Amino acid sequence: MGLGDKISNAAQDAKGKIKEGTGDAIDNEQMEAEGKMDQVSADAKQAGENVKDGFRDATR
């Protein structure tokens, strides 16, 4: 996985955590749910990149 992908995934996860926390603080359930979705999306992308990295390492 490229460094850019790692940074992008980490940024999306951080954005999701901030959005979730803000939504919780201002009692906005939609914003809180969007934050959780951002985090899940970042985690899924990270898992996919880890699979690609594992496959690449196994074929070397």
PDB file of N, CA and C in Angstrom:
ATOM      1  N   MET A   1       0.851  -1.159   0.000  1.00  0.00           N
ATOM      2  CA  MET A   1       0.000   0.000   0.000  1.00  0.00           C
ATOM      3  C   MET A   1       0.898   1.223   0.000  1.00  0.00           C
ATOM      4  N   GLY A   2       0.480   2.214  -0.757  1.00  0.00           N
ATOM      5  CA  GLY A   2       1.246   3.436  -0.830  1.00  0.00           C
ATOM      6  C   GLY A   2       1.033   4.308   0.390  1.00  0.00           C
ATOM      7  N   LEU A   3       1.997   5.133   0.625  1.00  0.00           N
ATOM      8  CA  LEU A   3       1.917   6.047   1.760  1.00  0.00           C
ATOM      9  C   LEU A   3       0.713   6.963   1.631  1.00  0.00           C
ATOM     10  N   GLY A   4       0.417   7.386   0.408  1.00  0.00           N
ATOM     11  CA  GLY A   4      -0.737   8.253   0.181  1.00  0.00           C
ATOM     12  C   GLY A   4      -2.039   7.601   0.593  1.00  0.00           C
ATOM     13  N   ASP A   5      -2.173   6.290   0.306  1.00  0.00           N
ATOM     14  CA  ASP A   5      -3.374   5.560   0.697  1.00  0.00           C
ATOM     15  C   ASP A   5      -3.494   5.475   2.211  1.00  0.00           C
ATOM     16  N   LYS A   6      -2.378   5.226   2.879  1.00  0.00           N
ATOM     17  CA  LYS A   6      -2.391   5.143   4.341  1.00  0.00           C
ATOM     18  C   LYS A   6      -2.808   6.480   4.951  1.00  0.00           C
ATOM     19  N   ILE A   7      -2.270   7.559   4.408  1.00  0.00           N
ATOM     20  CA  ILE A   7      -2.605   8.888   4.919  1.00  0.00           C
ATOM     21  C   ILE A   7      -4.069   9.197   4.669  1.00  0.00           C
ATOM     22  N   SER A   8      -4.545   8.871   3.474  1.00  0.00           N
ATOM     23  CA  SER A   8      -5.942   9.121   3.127  1.00  0.00           C
ATOM     24  C   SER A   8      -6.891   8.351   4.038  1.00  0.00           C
ATOM     25  N   ASN A   9      -6.591   7.086   4.285  1.00  0.00           N
ATOM     26  CA  ASN A   9      -7.435   6.271   5.160  1.00  0.00           C
ATOM     27  C   ASN A   9      -7.417   6.792   6.596  1.00  0.00           C
ATOM     28  N   ALA A  10      -6.246   7.185   7.065  1.00  0.00           N
ATOM     29  CA  ALA A  10      -6.138   7.719   8.424  1.00  0.00           C
ATOM     30  C   ALA A  10      -6.898   9.041   8.541  1.00  0.00           C
ATOM     31  N   ALA A  11      -6.813   9.868   7.501  1.00  0.00           N
ATOM     32  CA  ALA A  11      -7.527  11.153   7.520  1.00  0.00           C
ATOM     33  C   ALA A  11      -9.034  10.923   7.525  1.00  0.00           C
ATOM     34  N   GLN A  12      -9.501   9.957   6.726  1.00  0.00           N
ATOM     35  CA  GLN A  12     -10.938   9.673   6.685  1.00  0.00           C
ATOM     36  C   GLN A  12     -11.415   9.146   8.038  1.00  0.00           C
ATOM     37  N   ASP A  13     -10.610   8.307   8.659  1.00  0.00           N
ATOM     38  CA  ASP A  13     -10.965   7.776   9.979  1.00  0.00           C
ATOM     39  C   ASP A  13     -11.026   8.910  11.010  1.00  0.00           C
ATOM     40  N   ALA A  14     -10.033   9.794  10.980  1.00  0.00           N
ATOM     41  CA  ALA A  14     -10.005  10.914  11.925  1.00  0.00           C
ATOM     42  C   ALA A  14     -11.209  11.832  11.695  1.00  0.00           C
ATOM     43  N   LYS A  15     -11.513  12.093  10.432  1.00  0.00           N
ATOM     44  CA  LYS A  15     -12.663  12.943  10.112  1.00  0.00           C
ATOM     45  C   LYS A  15     -13.941  12.313  10.652  1.00  0.00           C
ATOM     46  N   GLY A  16     -14.053  10.997  10.509  1.00  0.00           N
ATOM     47  CA  GLY A  16     -15.231  10.296  11.005  1.00  0.00           C
ATOM     48  C   GLY A  16     -15.359  10.379  12.512  1.00  0.00           C
ATOM     49  N   LYS A  17     -14.239  10.251  13.205  1.00  0.00           N
ATOM     50  CA  LYS A  17     -14.261  10.337  14.667  1.00  0.00           C
ATOM     51  C   LYS A  17     -14.677  11.734  15.123  1.00  0.00           C
ATOM     52  N   ILE A  18     -14.164  12.749  14.438  1.00  0.00           N
ATOM     53  CA  ILE A  18     -14.523  14.127  14.784  1.00  0.00           C
ATOM     54  C   ILE A  18     -16.006  14.360  14.517  1.00  0.00           C
ATOM     55  N   LYS A  19     -16.462  13.893  13.359  1.00  0.00           N
ATOM     56  CA  LYS A  19     -17.867  14.087  12.993  1.00  0.00           C
ATOM     57  C   LYS A  19     -18.780  13.350  13.972  1.00  0.00           C
ATOM     58  N   GLU A  20     -18.398  12.129  14.352  1.00  0.00           N
ATOM     59  CA  GLU A  20     -19.196  11.366  15.312  1.00  0.00           C
ATOM     60  C   GLU A  20     -19.248  12.081  16.657  1.00  0.00           C
ATOM     61  N   GLY A  21     -18.106  12.556  17.132  1.00  0.00           N
ATOM     62  CA  GLY A  21     -18.058  13.250  18.413  1.00  0.00           C
ATOM     63  C   GLY A  21     -18.842  14.545  18.401  1.00  0.00           C
ATOM     64  N   THR A  22     -18.744  15.275  17.310  1.00  0.00           N
ATOM     65  CA  THR A  22     -19.498  16.524  17.187  1.00  0.00           C
ATOM     66  C   THR A  22     -20.993  16.243  17.161  1.00  0.00           C
ATOM     67  N   GLY A  23     -21.385  15.233  16.391  1.00  0.00           N
ATOM     68  CA  GLY A  23     -22.798  14.868  16.324  1.00  0.00           C
ATOM     69  C   GLY A  23     -23.344  14.472  17.677  1.00  0.00           C
ATOM     70  N   ASP A  24     -22.539  13.746  18.432  1.00  0.00           N
ATOM     71  CA  ASP A  24     -22.957  13.341  19.773  1.00  0.00           C
ATOM     72  C   ASP A  24     -23.074  14.563  20.685  1.00  0.00           C
ATOM     73  N   ALA A  25     -22.111  15.466  20.578  1.00  0.00           N
ATOM     74  CA  ALA A  25     -22.100  16.643  21.455  1.00  0.00           C
ATOM     75  C   ALA A  25     -23.280  17.581  21.194  1.00  0.00           C
ATOM     76  N   ILE A  26     -23.678  17.697  19.929  1.00  0.00           N
ATOM     77  CA  ILE A  26     -24.777  18.622  19.612  1.00  0.00           C
ATOM     78  C   ILE A  26     -26.094  17.884  19.416  1.00  0.00           C
ATOM     79  N   ASP A  27     -26.092  16.592  19.747  1.00  0.00           N
ATOM     80  CA  ASP A  27     -27.289  15.757  19.669  1.00  0.00           C
ATOM     81  C   ASP A  27     -27.855  15.697  18.246  1.00  0.00           C
ATOM     82  N   ASN A  28     -26.941  15.490  17.280  1.00  0.00           N
ATOM     83  CA  ASN A  28     -27.324  15.371  15.882  1.00  0.00           C
ATOM     84  C   ASN A  28     -27.045  13.926  15.462  1.00  0.00           C
ATOM     85  N   GLU A  29     -28.086  13.102  15.471  1.00  0.00           N
ATOM     86  CA  GLU A  29     -27.919  11.673  15.194  1.00  0.00           C
ATOM     87  C   GLU A  29     -27.432  11.414  13.769  1.00  0.00           C
ATOM     88  N   GLN A  30     -27.866  12.237  12.814  1.00  0.00           N
ATOM     89  CA  GLN A  30     -27.441  12.036  11.430  1.00  0.00           C
ATOM     90  C   GLN A  30     -25.932  12.270  11.291  1.00  0.00           C
ATOM     91  N   MET A  31     -25.423  13.328  11.894  1.00  0.00           N
ATOM     92  CA  MET A  31     -23.993  13.616  11.822  1.00  0.00           C
ATOM     93  C   MET A  31     -23.195  12.517  12.523  1.00  0.00           C
ATOM     94  N   GLU A  32     -23.701  12.064  13.635  1.00  0.00           N
ATOM     95  CA  GLU A  32     -23.038  10.986  14.379  1.00  0.00           C
ATOM     96  C   GLU A  32     -22.974   9.716  13.527  1.00  0.00           C
ATOM     97  N   ALA A  33     -24.071   9.377  12.851  1.00  0.00           N
ATOM     98  CA  ALA A  33     -24.108   8.193  11.988  1.00  0.00           C
ATOM     99  C   ALA A  33     -23.168   8.343  10.796  1.00  0.00           C
ATOM    100  N   GLU A  34     -23.107   9.545  10.226  1.00  0.00           N
ATOM    101  CA  GLU A  34     -22.190   9.786   9.108  1.00  0.00           C
ATOM    102  C   GLU A  34     -20.745   9.594   9.551  1.00  0.00           C
ATOM    103  N   GLY A  35     -20.430  10.039  10.756  1.00  0.00           N
ATOM    104  CA  GLY A  35     -19.078   9.861  11.288  1.00  0.00           C
ATOM    105  C   GLY A  35     -18.730   8.393  11.447  1.00  0.00           C
ATOM    106  N   LYS A  36     -19.685   7.617  11.940  1.00  0.00           N
ATOM    107  CA  LYS A  36     -19.453   6.179  12.085  1.00  0.00           C
ATOM    108  C   LYS A  36     -19.266   5.528  10.724  1.00  0.00           C
ATOM    109  N   MET A  37     -20.052   5.980   9.730  1.00  0.00           N
ATOM    110  CA  MET A  37     -19.927   5.427   8.380  1.00  0.00           C
ATOM    111  C   MET A  37     -18.558   5.767   7.780  1.00  0.00           C
ATOM    112  N   ASP A  38     -18.068   6.969   8.011  1.00  0.00           N
ATOM    113  CA  ASP A  38     -16.739   7.350   7.521  1.00  0.00           C
ATOM    114  C   ASP A  38     -15.671   6.436   8.114  1.00  0.00           C
ATOM    115  N   GLN A  39     -15.812   6.132   9.397  1.00  0.00           N
ATOM    116  CA  GLN A  39     -14.838   5.267  10.055  1.00  0.00           C
ATOM    117  C   GLN A  39     -14.890   3.846   9.504  1.00  0.00           C
ATOM    118  N   VAL A  40     -16.099   3.330   9.289  1.00  0.00           N
ATOM    119  CA  VAL A  40     -16.254   1.981   8.747  1.00  0.00           C
ATOM    120  C   VAL A  40     -15.668   1.917   7.339  1.00  0.00           C
ATOM    121  N   SER A  41     -15.922   2.951   6.551  1.00  0.00           N
ATOM    122  CA  SER A  41     -15.391   3.002   5.193  1.00  0.00           C
ATOM    123  C   SER A  41     -13.861   3.011   5.200  1.00  0.00           C
ATOM    124  N   ALA A  42     -13.280   3.805   6.078  1.00  0.00           N
ATOM    125  CA  ALA A  42     -11.819   3.864   6.185  1.00  0.00           C
ATOM    126  C   ALA A  42     -11.258   2.514   6.620  1.00  0.00           C
ATOM    127  N   ASP A  43     -11.921   1.857   7.561  1.00  0.00           N
ATOM    128  CA  ASP A  43     -11.474   0.543   8.022  1.00  0.00           C
ATOM    129  C   ASP A  43     -11.544  -0.487   6.900  1.00  0.00           C
ATOM    130  N   ALA A  44     -12.605  -0.437   6.097  1.00  0.00           N
ATOM    131  CA  ALA A  44     -12.761  -1.379   4.987  1.00  0.00           C
ATOM    132  C   ALA A  44     -11.668  -1.159   3.940  1.00  0.00           C
ATOM    133  N   LYS A  45     -11.389   0.098   3.634  1.00  0.00           N
ATOM    134  CA  LYS A  45     -10.319   0.402   2.671  1.00  0.00           C
ATOM    135  C   LYS A  45      -8.976  -0.092   3.195  1.00  0.00           C
ATOM    136  N   GLN A  46      -8.747   0.124   4.479  1.00  0.00           N
ATOM    137  CA  GLN A  46      -7.493  -0.319   5.090  1.00  0.00           C
ATOM    138  C   GLN A  46      -7.368  -1.839   5.020  1.00  0.00           C
ATOM    139  N   ALA A  47      -8.450  -2.547   5.292  1.00  0.00           N
ATOM    140  CA  ALA A  47      -8.428  -4.011   5.231  1.00  0.00           C
ATOM    141  C   ALA A  47      -8.134  -4.481   3.809  1.00  0.00           C
ATOM    142  N   GLY A  48      -8.731  -3.846   2.824  1.00  0.00           N
ATOM    143  CA  GLY A  48      -8.477  -4.205   1.431  1.00  0.00           C
ATOM    144  C   GLY A  48      -7.031  -3.974   1.052  1.00  0.00           C
ATOM    145  N   GLU A  49      -6.471  -2.871   1.501  1.00  0.00           N
ATOM    146  CA  GLU A  49      -5.063  -2.588   1.219  1.00  0.00           C
ATOM    147  C   GLU A  49      -4.156  -3.601   1.909  1.00  0.00           C
ATOM    148  N   ASN A  50      -4.515  -4.022   3.117  1.00  0.00           N
ATOM    149  CA  ASN A  50      -3.714  -5.028   3.825  1.00  0.00           C
ATOM    150  C   ASN A  50      -3.726  -6.362   3.091  1.00  0.00           C
ATOM    151  N   VAL A  51      -4.872  -6.718   2.515  1.00  0.00           N
ATOM    152  CA  VAL A  51      -4.963  -7.959   1.734  1.00  0.00           C
ATOM    153  C   VAL A  51      -4.055  -7.859   0.517  1.00  0.00           C
ATOM    154  N   LYS A  52      -4.104  -6.723  -0.166  1.00  0.00           N
ATOM    155  CA  LYS A  52      -3.238  -6.533  -1.338  1.00  0.00           C
ATOM    156  C   LYS A  52      -1.769  -6.615  -0.941  1.00  0.00           C
ATOM    157  N   ASP A  53      -1.412  -5.991   0.177  1.00  0.00           N
ATOM    158  CA  ASP A  53      -0.028  -6.036   0.643  1.00  0.00           C
ATOM    159  C   ASP A  53       0.391  -7.469   0.961  1.00  0.00           C
ATOM    160  N   GLY A  54      -0.486  -8.211   1.628  1.00  0.00           N
ATOM    161  CA  GLY A  54      -0.184  -9.604   1.962  1.00  0.00           C
ATOM    162  C   GLY A  54      -0.001 -10.452   0.721  1.00  0.00           C
ATOM    163  N   PHE A  55      -0.840 -10.248  -0.261  1.00  0.00           N
ATOM    164  CA  PHE A  55      -0.726 -11.008  -1.517  1.00  0.00           C
ATOM    165  C   PHE A  55       0.578 -10.635  -2.218  1.00  0.00           C
ATOM    166  N   ARG A  56       0.900  -9.365  -2.264  1.00  0.00           N
ATOM    167  CA  ARG A  56       2.113  -8.910  -2.916  1.00  0.00           C
ATOM    168  C   ARG A  56       3.337  -9.506  -2.229  1.00  0.00           C
ATOM    169  N   ASP A  57       3.326  -9.524  -0.904  1.00  0.00           N
ATOM    170  CA  ASP A  57       4.457 -10.079  -0.147  1.00  0.00           C
ATOM    171  C   ASP A  57       4.569 -11.591  -0.353  1.00  0.00           C
ATOM    172  N   ALA A  58       3.434 -12.264  -0.478  1.00  0.00           N
ATOM    173  CA  ALA A  58       3.440 -13.711  -0.645  1.00  0.00           C
ATOM    174  C   ALA A  58       3.950 -14.121  -2.032  1.00  0.00           C
ATOM    175  N   THR A  59       3.810 -13.246  -2.997  1.00  0.00           N
ATOM    176  CA  THR A  59       4.241 -13.594  -4.358  1.00  0.00           C
ATOM    177  C   THR A  59       5.684 -13.215  -4.634  1.00  0.00           C
ATOM    178  N   ARG A  60       6.362 -12.652  -3.678  1.00  0.00           N
ATOM    179  CA  ARG A  60       7.764 -12.259  -3.864  1.00  0.00           C
ATOM    180  C   ARG A  60       8.691 -13.397  -3.619  1.00  0.00           C
TER     181      ARG A  60
END
